[in-house]
Amino acid sequence: MSQREAARHFNIARDSVAKMMAFSVPPGYRRTAPVKRPKLDA
């Protein structure tokens, strides 16, 4: 099945299909910046 055909079948963007094909396991969520903690903890 081509990527275009898969995108049409699953109703997702072709870019998303290309990303899925690039990684055998999903890369997961990565933060771009560390979590900002409040300076005054209660």
PDB file of N, CA and C in Angstrom:
ATOM      1  N   MET A   1       0.855  -1.169   0.000  1.00  0.00           N
ATOM      2  CA  MET A   1       0.000   0.000   0.000  1.00  0.00           C
ATOM      3  C   MET A   1       0.907   1.240   0.000  1.00  0.00           C
ATOM      4  N   SER A   2       0.596   2.188  -0.859  1.00  0.00           N
ATOM      5  CA  SER A   2       1.399   3.409  -0.924  1.00  0.00           C
ATOM      6  C   SER A   2       1.053   4.333   0.247  1.00  0.00           C
ATOM      7  N   GLN A   3       1.936   5.289   0.494  1.00  0.00           N
ATOM      8  CA  GLN A   3       1.695   6.232   1.591  1.00  0.00           C
ATOM      9  C   GLN A   3       0.453   7.067   1.310  1.00  0.00           C
ATOM     10  N   ARG A   4       0.271   7.449   0.072  1.00  0.00           N
ATOM     11  CA  ARG A   4      -0.905   8.246  -0.290  1.00  0.00           C
ATOM     12  C   ARG A   4      -2.185   7.448  -0.069  1.00  0.00           C
ATOM     13  N   GLU A   5      -2.141   6.182  -0.446  1.00  0.00           N
ATOM     14  CA  GLU A   5      -3.296   5.302  -0.266  1.00  0.00           C
ATOM     15  C   GLU A   5      -3.589   5.085   1.223  1.00  0.00           C
ATOM     16  N   ALA A   6      -2.534   4.913   2.024  1.00  0.00           N
ATOM     17  CA  ALA A   6      -2.700   4.733   3.466  1.00  0.00           C
ATOM     18  C   ALA A   6      -3.291   5.990   4.094  1.00  0.00           C
ATOM     19  N   ALA A   7      -2.828   7.158   3.658  1.00  0.00           N
ATOM     20  CA  ALA A   7      -3.355   8.416   4.187  1.00  0.00           C
ATOM     21  C   ALA A   7      -4.840   8.544   3.875  1.00  0.00           C
ATOM     22  N   ARG A   8      -5.210   8.174   2.688  1.00  0.00           N
ATOM     23  CA  ARG A   8      -6.619   8.242   2.305  1.00  0.00           C
ATOM     24  C   ARG A   8      -7.439   7.229   3.097  1.00  0.00           C
ATOM     25  N   HIS A   9      -6.903   6.018   3.281  1.00  0.00           N
ATOM     26  CA  HIS A   9      -7.620   4.952   3.983  1.00  0.00           C
ATOM     27  C   HIS A   9      -7.845   5.295   5.459  1.00  0.00           C
ATOM     28  N   PHE A  10      -6.804   5.813   6.132  1.00  0.00           N
ATOM     29  CA  PHE A  10      -6.903   6.116   7.560  1.00  0.00           C
ATOM     30  C   PHE A  10      -7.345   7.549   7.837  1.00  0.00           C
ATOM     31  N   ASN A  11      -7.553   8.328   6.765  1.00  0.00           N
ATOM     32  CA  ASN A  11      -8.036   9.709   6.876  1.00  0.00           C
ATOM     33  C   ASN A  11      -7.089  10.575   7.711  1.00  0.00           C
ATOM     34  N   ILE A  12      -5.786  10.477   7.400  1.00  0.00           N
ATOM     35  CA  ILE A  12      -4.778  11.315   8.049  1.00  0.00           C
ATOM     36  C   ILE A  12      -3.909  11.946   6.959  1.00  0.00           C
ATOM     37  N   ALA A  13      -3.115  12.935   7.343  1.00  0.00           N
ATOM     38  CA  ALA A  13      -2.270  13.644   6.383  1.00  0.00           C
ATOM     39  C   ALA A  13      -1.136  12.748   5.882  1.00  0.00           C
ATOM     40  N   ARG A  14      -0.695  13.005   4.647  1.00  0.00           N
ATOM     41  CA  ARG A  14       0.414  12.225   4.085  1.00  0.00           C
ATOM     42  C   ARG A  14       1.698  12.438   4.870  1.00  0.00           C
ATOM     43  N   ASP A  15       1.880  13.646   5.421  1.00  0.00           N
ATOM     44  CA  ASP A  15       3.063  13.915   6.247  1.00  0.00           C
ATOM     45  C   ASP A  15       3.073  13.012   7.474  1.00  0.00           C
ATOM     46  N   SER A  16       1.895  12.812   8.071  1.00  0.00           N
ATOM     47  CA  SER A  16       1.793  11.945   9.254  1.00  0.00           C
ATOM     48  C   SER A  16       2.156  10.509   8.894  1.00  0.00           C
ATOM     49  N   VAL A  17       1.712  10.055   7.740  1.00  0.00           N
ATOM     50  CA  VAL A  17       2.041   8.697   7.295  1.00  0.00           C
ATOM     51  C   VAL A  17       3.545   8.578   7.077  1.00  0.00           C
ATOM     52  N   ALA A  18       4.162   9.601   6.499  1.00  0.00           N
ATOM     53  CA  ALA A  18       5.608   9.577   6.264  1.00  0.00           C
ATOM     54  C   ALA A  18       6.369   9.509   7.582  1.00  0.00           C
ATOM     55  N   LYS A  19       5.916  10.255   8.591  1.00  0.00           N
ATOM     56  CA  LYS A  19       6.559  10.219   9.907  1.00  0.00           C
ATOM     57  C   LYS A  19       6.413   8.838  10.534  1.00  0.00           C
ATOM     58  N   MET A  20       5.232   8.235  10.394  1.00  0.00           N
ATOM     59  CA  MET A  20       5.008   6.898  10.950  1.00  0.00           C
ATOM     60  C   MET A  20       5.926   5.875  10.284  1.00  0.00           C
ATOM     61  N   MET A  21       6.145   6.024   8.987  1.00  0.00           N
ATOM     62  CA  MET A  21       7.001   5.086   8.269  1.00  0.00           C
ATOM     63  C   MET A  21       8.475   5.294   8.633  1.00  0.00           C
ATOM     64  N   ALA A  22       8.850   6.504   9.027  1.00  0.00           N
ATOM     65  CA  ALA A  22      10.246   6.792   9.362  1.00  0.00           C
ATOM     66  C   ALA A  22      10.653   6.150  10.685  1.00  0.00           C
ATOM     67  N   PHE A  23       9.701   6.040  11.631  1.00  0.00           N
ATOM     68  CA  PHE A  23       9.999   5.482  12.952  1.00  0.00           C
ATOM     69  C   PHE A  23       9.256   4.169  13.127  1.00  0.00           C
ATOM     70  N   SER A  24       9.997   3.096  13.451  1.00  0.00           N
ATOM     71  CA  SER A  24       9.331   1.811  13.682  1.00  0.00           C
ATOM     72  C   SER A  24       8.572   1.833  15.003  1.00  0.00           C
ATOM     73  N   VAL A  25       9.095   2.616  15.975  1.00  0.00           N
ATOM     74  CA  VAL A  25       8.442   2.804  17.272  1.00  0.00           C
ATOM     75  C   VAL A  25       8.183   4.297  17.417  1.00  0.00           C
ATOM     76  N   PRO A  26       6.994   4.710  17.863  1.00  0.00           N
ATOM     77  CA  PRO A  26       6.729   6.141  18.006  1.00  0.00           C
ATOM     78  C   PRO A  26       7.755   6.805  18.915  1.00  0.00           C
ATOM     79  N   PRO A  27       8.257   7.982  18.534  1.00  0.00           N
ATOM     80  CA  PRO A  27       9.297   8.633  19.330  1.00  0.00           C
ATOM     81  C   PRO A  27       8.806   9.144  20.672  1.00  0.00           C
ATOM     82  N   GLY A  28       7.508   9.324  20.828  1.00  0.00           N
ATOM     83  CA  GLY A  28       6.968   9.811  22.097  1.00  0.00           C
ATOM     84  C   GLY A  28       6.987  11.326  22.179  1.00  0.00           C
ATOM     85  N   TYR A  29       6.551  11.842  23.292  1.00  0.00           N
ATOM     86  CA  TYR A  29       6.452  13.283  23.489  1.00  0.00           C
ATOM     87  C   TYR A  29       7.712  13.791  24.155  1.00  0.00           C
ATOM     88  N   ARG A  30       8.304  14.813  23.579  1.00  0.00           N
ATOM     89  CA  ARG A  30       9.490  15.430  24.168  1.00  0.00           C
ATOM     90  C   ARG A  30       9.227  16.906  24.361  1.00  0.00           C
ATOM     91  N   ARG A  31       9.482  17.393  25.567  1.00  0.00           N
ATOM     92  CA  ARG A  31       9.298  18.820  25.834  1.00  0.00           C
ATOM     93  C   ARG A  31      10.391  19.620  25.140  1.00  0.00           C
ATOM     94  N   THR A  32      10.014  20.805  24.663  1.00  0.00           N
ATOM     95  CA  THR A  32      11.008  21.674  24.038  1.00  0.00           C
ATOM     96  C   THR A  32      11.748  22.481  25.095  1.00  0.00           C
ATOM     97  N   ALA A  33      11.089  22.758  26.225  1.00  0.00           N
ATOM     98  CA  ALA A  33      11.712  23.522  27.311  1.00  0.00           C
ATOM     99  C   ALA A  33      11.390  22.825  28.629  1.00  0.00           C
ATOM    100  N   PRO A  34      12.235  22.965  29.635  1.00  0.00           N
ATOM    101  CA  PRO A  34      11.942  22.342  30.930  1.00  0.00           C
ATOM    102  C   PRO A  34      10.709  22.972  31.587  1.00  0.00           C
ATOM    103  N   VAL A  35      10.094  22.225  32.484  1.00  0.00           N
ATOM    104  CA  VAL A  35       8.909  22.701  33.186  1.00  0.00           C
ATOM    105  C   VAL A  35       9.300  23.848  34.108  1.00  0.00           C
ATOM    106  N   LYS A  36       8.548  24.932  34.037  1.00  0.00           N
ATOM    107  CA  LYS A  36       8.841  26.075  34.907  1.00  0.00           C
ATOM    108  C   LYS A  36       8.113  25.885  36.228  1.00  0.00           C
ATOM    109  N   ARG A  37       8.855  25.832  37.293  1.00  0.00           N
ATOM    110  CA  ARG A  37       8.293  25.653  38.631  1.00  0.00           C
ATOM    111  C   ARG A  37       8.099  27.023  39.268  1.00  0.00           C
ATOM    112  N   PRO A  38       7.058  27.187  40.064  1.00  0.00           N
ATOM    113  CA  PRO A  38       6.880  28.467  40.748  1.00  0.00           C
ATOM    114  C   PRO A  38       7.990  28.696  41.774  1.00  0.00           C
ATOM    115  N   LYS A  39       8.386  29.946  41.918  1.00  0.00           N
ATOM    116  CA  LYS A  39       9.462  30.256  42.875  1.00  0.00           C
ATOM    117  C   LYS A  39       8.980  30.137  44.314  1.00  0.00           C
ATOM    118  N   LEU A  40       7.691  30.427  44.536  1.00  0.00           N
ATOM    119  CA  LEU A  40       7.133  30.339  45.888  1.00  0.00           C
ATOM    120  C   LEU A  40       6.259  29.094  45.963  1.00  0.00           C
ATOM    121  N   ASP A  41       6.786  28.022  46.510  1.00  0.00           N
ATOM    122  CA  ASP A  41       6.002  26.802  46.673  1.00  0.00           C
ATOM    123  C   ASP A  41       5.145  26.917  47.915  1.00  0.00           C
ATOM    124  N   ALA A  42       3.896  26.538  47.798  1.00  0.00           N
ATOM    125  CA  ALA A  42       2.983  26.621  48.938  1.00  0.00           C
ATOM    126  C   ALA A  42       3.079  25.390  49.807  1.00  0.00           C
TER     127      ALA A  42
END
